[in-house]
Protein backbone atom coordinates (compact mmCIF):
# COMPACT_ATOMS: atom_id res chain seq x y z
CA UNK A 1 0.00 0.00 0.00
CA UNK A 2 1.17 3.47 -0.83
CA UNK A 3 -1.05 5.99 0.92
CA UNK A 4 -1.27 9.75 0.93
CA UNK A 5 -2.44 11.12 4.28
CA UNK A 6 -3.81 14.64 3.66
CA UNK A 7 -4.79 16.02 7.06
CA UNK A 8 -4.03 19.23 8.92
CA UNK A 9 -1.36 18.43 11.49
CA UNK A 10 -2.69 19.86 14.74
CA UNK A 11 -3.98 18.58 18.07
CA UNK A 12 -6.90 16.87 16.34
CA UNK A 13 -4.49 15.05 14.03
CA UNK A 14 -2.67 13.72 17.09
CA UNK A 15 -5.84 12.08 18.41
CA UNK A 16 -6.20 10.04 15.21
CA UNK A 17 -2.54 9.50 14.41
CA UNK A 18 -1.02 8.78 17.78
CA UNK A 19 2.65 7.83 17.85
CA UNK A 20 1.54 4.20 17.84
CA UNK A 21 -0.70 4.71 14.82
CA UNK A 22 2.01 6.57 12.90
CA UNK A 23 4.38 3.66 13.44
CA UNK A 24 1.62 1.21 12.56
CA UNK A 25 0.77 3.07 9.34
CA UNK A 26 4.40 3.11 8.25
CA UNK A 27 4.68 -0.61 8.97
CA UNK A 28 1.88 -1.30 6.49
CA UNK A 29 3.50 0.37 3.50
CA UNK A 30 4.78 3.66 2.15
CA UNK A 31 3.01 6.62 3.76
CA UNK A 32 3.20 10.05 2.14
CA UNK A 33 2.30 12.83 4.56
CA UNK A 34 0.70 16.09 3.44
CA UNK A 35 0.03 18.73 6.09
CA UNK A 36 -2.94 20.63 4.68
CA UNK A 37 -2.21 23.51 7.06
CA UNK A 38 0.88 24.42 5.04
CA UNK A 39 0.54 22.52 1.75
CA UNK A 40 -2.09 23.15 -0.88
CA UNK A 41 -3.74 21.52 -3.88
CA UNK A 42 -0.66 21.67 -6.12
CA UNK A 43 1.39 19.74 -3.56
CA UNK A 44 -1.46 17.27 -3.18
CA UNK A 45 -1.68 16.70 -6.94
CA UNK A 46 2.05 16.01 -7.07
CA UNK A 47 2.13 13.66 -4.07
CA UNK A 48 -0.96 11.60 -5.00
CA UNK A 49 0.38 10.56 -8.42
CA UNK A 50 1.67 7.12 -7.41
CA UNK A 51 -0.63 6.47 -4.46
CA UNK A 52 -3.26 3.76 -4.35
CA UNK A 53 -4.90 5.06 -1.16
CA UNK A 54 -6.02 8.54 -0.12
CA UNK A 55 -6.57 9.04 3.62
CA UNK A 56 -8.65 11.98 4.79
CA UNK A 57 -10.37 13.42 7.84
CA UNK A 58 -12.32 16.58 8.74
CA UNK A 59 -11.30 19.44 6.48
CA UNK A 60 -9.21 17.37 4.06
CA UNK A 61 -9.31 18.35 0.37
CA UNK A 62 -12.07 16.58 -1.52
CA UNK A 63 -11.32 14.18 -4.34
CA UNK A 64 -12.35 16.46 -7.20
CA UNK A 65 -12.10 15.50 -10.89
CA UNK A 66 -9.02 17.73 -11.06
CA UNK A 67 -7.27 15.74 -8.34
CA UNK A 68 -8.50 12.40 -9.68
CA UNK A 69 -6.88 13.19 -13.04
CA UNK A 70 -3.55 13.27 -11.20
CA UNK A 71 -4.18 9.96 -9.41
CA UNK A 72 -4.36 7.18 -12.04
CA UNK A 73 -3.41 4.47 -9.52
CA UNK A 74 -5.91 5.41 -6.84
CA UNK A 75 -8.06 2.49 -5.67
CA UNK A 76 -9.26 3.48 -2.24
CA UNK A 77 -10.46 6.52 -0.30
CA UNK A 78 -10.19 6.02 3.46
CA UNK A 79 -12.04 8.70 5.39
CA UNK A 80 -11.45 8.82 9.14
CA UNK A 81 -14.59 10.88 9.68
CA UNK A 82 -18.17 9.65 9.37
CA UNK A 83 -19.91 11.30 6.42
CA UNK A 84 -17.95 11.12 3.17
CA UNK A 85 -20.10 13.71 1.42
CA UNK A 86 -17.50 16.50 1.86
CA UNK A 87 -14.67 14.48 0.27
CA UNK A 88 -16.22 12.57 -2.64
CA UNK A 89 -17.72 13.39 -6.01
CA UNK A 90 -19.55 11.25 -8.58
CA UNK A 91 -16.32 10.59 -10.47
CA UNK A 92 -14.88 8.73 -7.48
CA UNK A 93 -17.52 6.03 -7.88
CA UNK A 94 -17.49 6.20 -11.67
CA UNK A 95 -13.78 5.28 -11.53
CA UNK A 96 -14.55 2.30 -9.27
CA UNK A 97 -12.57 3.73 -6.38
CA UNK A 98 -13.67 2.08 -3.14
CA UNK A 99 -14.71 4.36 -0.29
CA UNK A 100 -14.57 3.45 3.40
CA UNK A 101 -15.10 5.59 6.48
CA UNK A 102 -15.47 5.57 10.25
CA UNK A 103 -19.25 5.81 9.89
CA UNK A 104 -20.01 2.75 12.05
CA UNK A 105 -17.66 3.88 14.84
CA UNK A 106 -19.20 7.35 14.82
CA UNK A 107 -22.71 5.89 14.75
CA UNK A 108 -22.17 3.70 17.79
CA UNK A 109 -20.51 6.50 19.74
CA UNK A 110 -23.17 9.05 18.81
CA UNK A 111 -25.86 6.61 19.87
CA UNK A 112 -24.15 6.25 23.22
CA UNK A 113 -24.12 10.04 23.50
CA UNK A 114 -27.82 10.30 22.67
CA UNK A 115 -28.76 7.76 25.34
CA UNK A 116 -26.45 9.48 27.84
CA UNK A 117 -28.21 12.79 27.18
CA UNK A 118 -31.61 11.16 27.68
CA UNK A 119 -30.53 9.78 31.03
CA UNK A 120 -28.89 13.03 32.12
CA UNK A 121 -31.91 15.12 31.17
CA UNK A 122 -34.54 12.80 32.62
CA UNK A 123 -32.71 12.49 35.96
CA UNK A 124 -31.73 16.17 35.82
CA UNK A 125 -28.14 15.19 36.59
CA UNK A 126 -26.51 18.56 35.80
CA UNK A 127 -28.92 20.37 38.16
CA UNK A 128 -28.41 18.05 41.12
CA UNK A 129 -24.65 17.94 40.59
CA UNK A 130 -24.41 21.74 40.57
CA UNK A 131 -26.76 22.13 43.53
CA UNK A 132 -24.82 19.70 45.68
CA UNK A 133 -21.36 21.03 44.74
CA UNK A 134 -22.11 24.74 44.60
CA UNK A 135 -24.91 25.16 47.15
CA UNK A 136 -24.12 22.14 49.35
CA UNK A 137 -27.78 21.09 49.30
CA UNK A 138 -28.48 17.40 49.92
CA UNK A 139 -31.47 15.50 48.57
CA UNK A 140 -34.73 17.17 49.59
CA UNK A 141 -38.09 15.56 50.21
CA UNK A 142 -39.80 17.18 47.22
CA UNK A 143 -36.97 16.59 44.71
CA UNK A 144 -38.23 14.98 41.51
CA UNK A 145 -36.32 12.72 39.14
CA UNK A 146 -37.58 10.81 36.14
CA UNK A 147 -36.55 7.68 34.26
CA UNK A 148 -36.17 6.44 30.71
CA UNK A 149 -37.47 3.04 31.80
CA UNK A 150 -41.02 2.27 30.61
CA UNK A 151 -41.25 5.55 28.69
CA UNK A 152 -42.67 5.96 25.22
CA UNK A 153 -39.60 6.75 23.12
CA UNK A 154 -39.68 7.80 19.49
CA UNK A 155 -36.75 7.78 17.10
CA UNK A 156 -36.92 9.93 13.98
CA UNK A 157 -34.64 8.26 11.47
CA UNK A 158 -33.14 4.79 11.41
CA UNK A 159 -29.68 5.01 9.89
CA UNK A 160 -26.48 3.92 11.58
CA UNK A 161 -27.05 5.98 14.74
CA UNK A 162 -30.77 5.26 15.00
CA UNK A 163 -30.27 1.52 14.85
CA UNK A 164 -27.64 1.60 17.61
CA UNK A 165 -29.93 3.77 19.76
CA UNK A 166 -32.75 1.26 19.27
CA UNK A 167 -30.42 -1.55 20.30
CA UNK A 168 -29.27 0.29 23.42
CA UNK A 169 -32.79 1.37 24.43
CA UNK A 170 -34.16 -2.16 24.03
CA UNK A 171 -32.69 -2.98 27.47
CA UNK A 172 -34.71 -0.19 29.14
CA UNK A 173 -38.16 -1.77 28.61
CA UNK A 174 -39.34 1.26 26.65
CA UNK A 175 -42.31 1.45 24.31
CA UNK A 176 -40.31 2.31 21.22
CA UNK A 177 -41.60 3.81 17.98
CA UNK A 178 -39.54 4.66 14.92
CA UNK A 179 -40.30 6.71 11.85
CA UNK A 180 -38.32 6.14 8.67
CA UNK A 181 -38.85 6.65 4.96
CA UNK A 182 -38.36 2.98 4.17
CA UNK A 183 -40.05 -0.08 5.57
CA UNK A 184 -37.82 -1.33 8.39
CA UNK A 185 -36.79 -4.99 8.71
CA UNK A 186 -39.20 -7.22 10.63
CA UNK A 187 -36.14 -8.86 12.18
CA UNK A 188 -35.10 -5.55 13.75
CA UNK A 189 -38.63 -4.83 14.95
CA UNK A 190 -38.69 -8.13 16.82
CA UNK A 191 -35.07 -7.94 18.01
CA UNK A 192 -35.31 -4.42 19.48
CA UNK A 193 -39.03 -4.40 20.18
CA UNK A 194 -40.22 -1.35 18.24
CA UNK A 195 -43.09 -0.47 15.95
CA UNK A 196 -42.84 1.69 12.88
CA UNK A 197 -45.12 4.69 12.62
CA UNK A 198 -45.41 8.19 11.20
CA UNK A 199 -43.34 11.11 12.42
CA UNK A 200 -46.56 12.84 13.46
CA UNK A 201 -47.48 9.96 15.77
CA UNK A 202 -44.08 10.12 17.44
CA UNK A 203 -44.40 13.84 18.16
CA UNK A 204 -47.96 13.44 19.42
CA UNK A 205 -47.47 10.43 21.70
CA UNK A 206 -43.87 10.02 22.87
CA UNK A 207 -42.29 11.09 26.17
CA UNK A 208 -38.83 11.19 24.59
CA UNK A 209 -38.18 12.09 20.94
CA UNK A 210 -34.69 11.56 19.54
CA UNK A 211 -33.64 12.90 16.13
CA UNK A 212 -31.37 10.78 13.91
CA UNK A 213 -31.67 12.26 10.42
CA UNK A 214 -28.88 13.07 8.01
CA UNK A 215 -28.82 16.73 7.01
CA UNK A 216 -29.41 17.52 3.35
CA UNK A 217 -31.74 19.62 1.22
CA UNK A 218 -34.70 17.37 1.93
CA UNK A 219 -34.29 17.44 5.72
CA UNK A 220 -33.59 21.16 6.21
CA UNK A 221 -36.05 22.38 8.88
CA UNK A 222 -37.99 19.14 8.45
CA UNK A 223 -39.01 19.53 12.09
CA UNK A 224 -40.78 22.86 12.24
CA UNK A 225 -43.42 24.59 14.32
CA UNK A 226 -46.21 22.25 13.22
CA UNK A 227 -44.46 19.15 14.56
CA UNK A 228 -43.02 20.91 17.59
CA UNK A 229 -46.53 22.04 18.55
CA UNK A 230 -47.60 18.40 18.76
CA UNK A 231 -45.05 17.49 21.48
CA UNK A 232 -46.61 16.46 24.79
CA UNK A 233 -46.14 18.98 27.62
CA UNK A 234 -42.98 18.14 29.57
CA UNK A 235 -41.66 15.67 26.97
CA UNK A 236 -37.96 15.58 26.07
CA UNK A 237 -36.61 16.40 22.59
CA UNK A 238 -33.06 15.13 21.90
CA UNK A 239 -31.01 16.17 18.87
CA UNK A 240 -27.61 14.64 18.14
CA UNK A 241 -28.03 14.80 14.34
CA UNK A 242 -27.58 18.26 12.80
CA UNK A 243 -28.96 21.53 14.11
CA UNK A 244 -30.66 22.66 10.91
CA UNK A 245 -32.85 19.56 10.79
CA UNK A 246 -34.94 21.47 13.34
CA UNK A 247 -36.23 24.99 12.83
CA UNK A 248 -34.28 26.41 15.77
CA UNK A 249 -36.20 29.68 15.93
CA UNK A 250 -39.49 27.82 16.27
CA UNK A 251 -37.99 25.44 18.83
CA UNK A 252 -36.72 28.32 20.96
CA UNK A 253 -40.23 29.82 21.13
CA UNK A 254 -41.61 26.54 22.51
CA UNK A 255 -38.75 26.13 24.96
CA UNK A 256 -39.15 29.66 26.24
CA UNK A 257 -42.79 28.87 27.00
CA UNK A 258 -41.73 25.73 28.91
CA UNK A 259 -43.71 23.56 26.50
CA UNK A 260 -41.15 20.75 26.57
CA UNK A 261 -37.54 20.01 27.52
CA UNK A 262 -34.59 19.54 25.19
CA UNK A 263 -31.17 17.93 25.21
CA UNK A 264 -29.18 19.40 22.34
CA UNK A 265 -25.75 18.61 20.95
CA UNK A 266 -26.06 20.42 17.60
CA UNK A 267 -27.21 23.87 16.51
CA UNK A 268 -27.95 25.84 13.36
CA UNK A 269 -24.89 28.00 14.05
CA UNK A 270 -21.72 26.35 15.35
CA UNK A 271 -19.98 27.43 17.47
CA UNK A 272 -23.22 28.64 19.00
CA UNK A 273 -23.90 32.36 19.30
CA UNK A 274 -23.19 33.20 22.94
CA UNK A 275 -26.32 35.35 22.92
CA UNK A 276 -28.50 32.40 21.97
CA UNK A 277 -31.48 32.52 24.38
CA UNK A 278 -31.35 28.76 24.98
CA UNK A 279 -28.19 29.26 27.03
CA UNK A 280 -30.31 30.89 29.74
CA UNK A 281 -33.15 28.36 29.75
CA UNK A 282 -33.37 25.86 32.64
CA UNK A 283 -35.24 23.28 30.54
CA UNK A 284 -32.45 22.84 28.00
CA UNK A 285 -29.39 20.60 28.41
CA UNK A 286 -26.74 21.85 25.98
CA UNK A 287 -23.54 20.18 24.78
CA UNK A 288 -20.98 21.60 22.29
CA UNK A 289 -21.37 19.04 19.45
CA UNK A 290 -19.52 16.22 21.14
CA UNK A 291 -21.90 13.27 20.94
CA UNK A 292 -19.95 11.91 17.99
CA UNK A 293 -16.94 9.66 18.23
CA UNK A 294 -15.18 10.16 21.56
CA UNK A 295 -11.51 11.12 21.54
CA UNK A 296 -10.35 7.69 22.72
CA UNK A 297 -12.15 5.98 19.82
CA UNK A 298 -10.42 8.11 17.18
CA UNK A 299 -7.19 6.15 17.55
CA UNK A 300 -9.12 2.87 17.50
CA UNK A 301 -10.94 3.59 14.25
CA UNK A 302 -7.74 4.92 12.64
CA UNK A 303 -5.89 1.71 13.47
CA UNK A 304 -8.76 -0.43 12.17
CA UNK A 305 -9.24 1.51 8.93
CA UNK A 306 -5.50 1.52 8.25
CA UNK A 307 -5.47 -2.26 8.59
CA UNK A 308 -8.59 -2.56 6.42
CA UNK A 309 -6.96 -0.38 3.77
CA UNK A 310 -3.78 -2.45 3.65
CA UNK A 311 -5.75 -5.71 3.61
CA UNK A 312 -7.72 -4.50 0.60
CA UNK A 313 -4.82 -3.00 -1.37
CA UNK A 314 -2.20 -5.66 -0.67
CA UNK A 315 -4.26 -8.81 -0.23
CA UNK A 316 -7.55 -8.15 -2.02
CA UNK A 317 -9.58 -8.68 1.15
CA UNK A 318 -13.05 -7.11 0.74
CA UNK A 319 -13.58 -3.90 2.72
CA UNK A 320 -15.96 -3.95 5.70
CA UNK A 321 -16.73 -0.27 6.19
CA UNK A 322 -17.64 0.56 2.62
CA UNK A 323 -19.77 3.58 1.80
CA UNK A 324 -21.61 3.00 -1.46
CA UNK A 325 -22.56 5.83 -3.79
CA UNK A 326 -26.23 5.47 -2.87
CA UNK A 327 -25.41 6.08 0.78
CA UNK A 328 -22.88 8.85 0.16
CA UNK A 329 -25.49 10.98 -1.62
CA UNK A 330 -27.80 10.90 1.41
CA UNK A 331 -25.16 11.65 4.04
CA UNK A 332 -24.83 14.99 5.83
CA UNK A 333 -22.88 17.55 3.84
CA UNK A 334 -20.77 18.53 6.85
């Protein structure tokens, strides 16, 4: 394998390419390093000429037709992020270049984050932690906590993340409903114990609603005032997908009225505007877009995808984490 790694060398790079992973990569073949912080497209076009593998991450240059014309030997794109939409074009698939990514690793980790946010919000963990540590107040007789167990939980979307969330929630004895554009497998319905229904039914009936949609033109503001108005008073809305899937302005109006609670990891503007009114609302748990793959898992997925790349290039072993063209077109654009 001869691979070009085109990633900005900074602290984020170090979490993927630890010293161990750098040594591991170089043990698998010839690695050509391109620091995108100081080297541009012309350097990339020169260095990719004899490479069979192109390794990317967040912010790496996309494989455009211009770059592909300089890479006649390229057989594989290995993306260490989740969505490949920012780094591929139609010509990649037309030239039969295989594409793999960390999508499954990100999906599992994001699902863990979504469930963690549900638990934290339902039990009001941040509030009780702050009250005990800052105000030194012990449990009081009228304190109220809630549970995920036995709740009606609705998942909007059933891609990689949604399926992992369904699997994790199946141990909580929840009444689970899922909305998706396609008919979901009967095997999954029985395995995880959910029923498929409309998005409207989820918003009207569920105690917890968790969003797991990719962001593209068809899902922009898909969840607007009409759906938000259907949420049961006091229910919990969780979003670990993309901020613009929800009409944030409409959501803020409902949250300000105390209509429902929210646990949010993503926003229409990131980093979030520090004047965003949600930052002052007690019924909103807010995280800075960190439900995705945890830092410790970055090195794990890098090691695994490096091995998968070498196995495919050098030994013809079929790839496991392939992203087909049909999936790439529906993935989030960022």
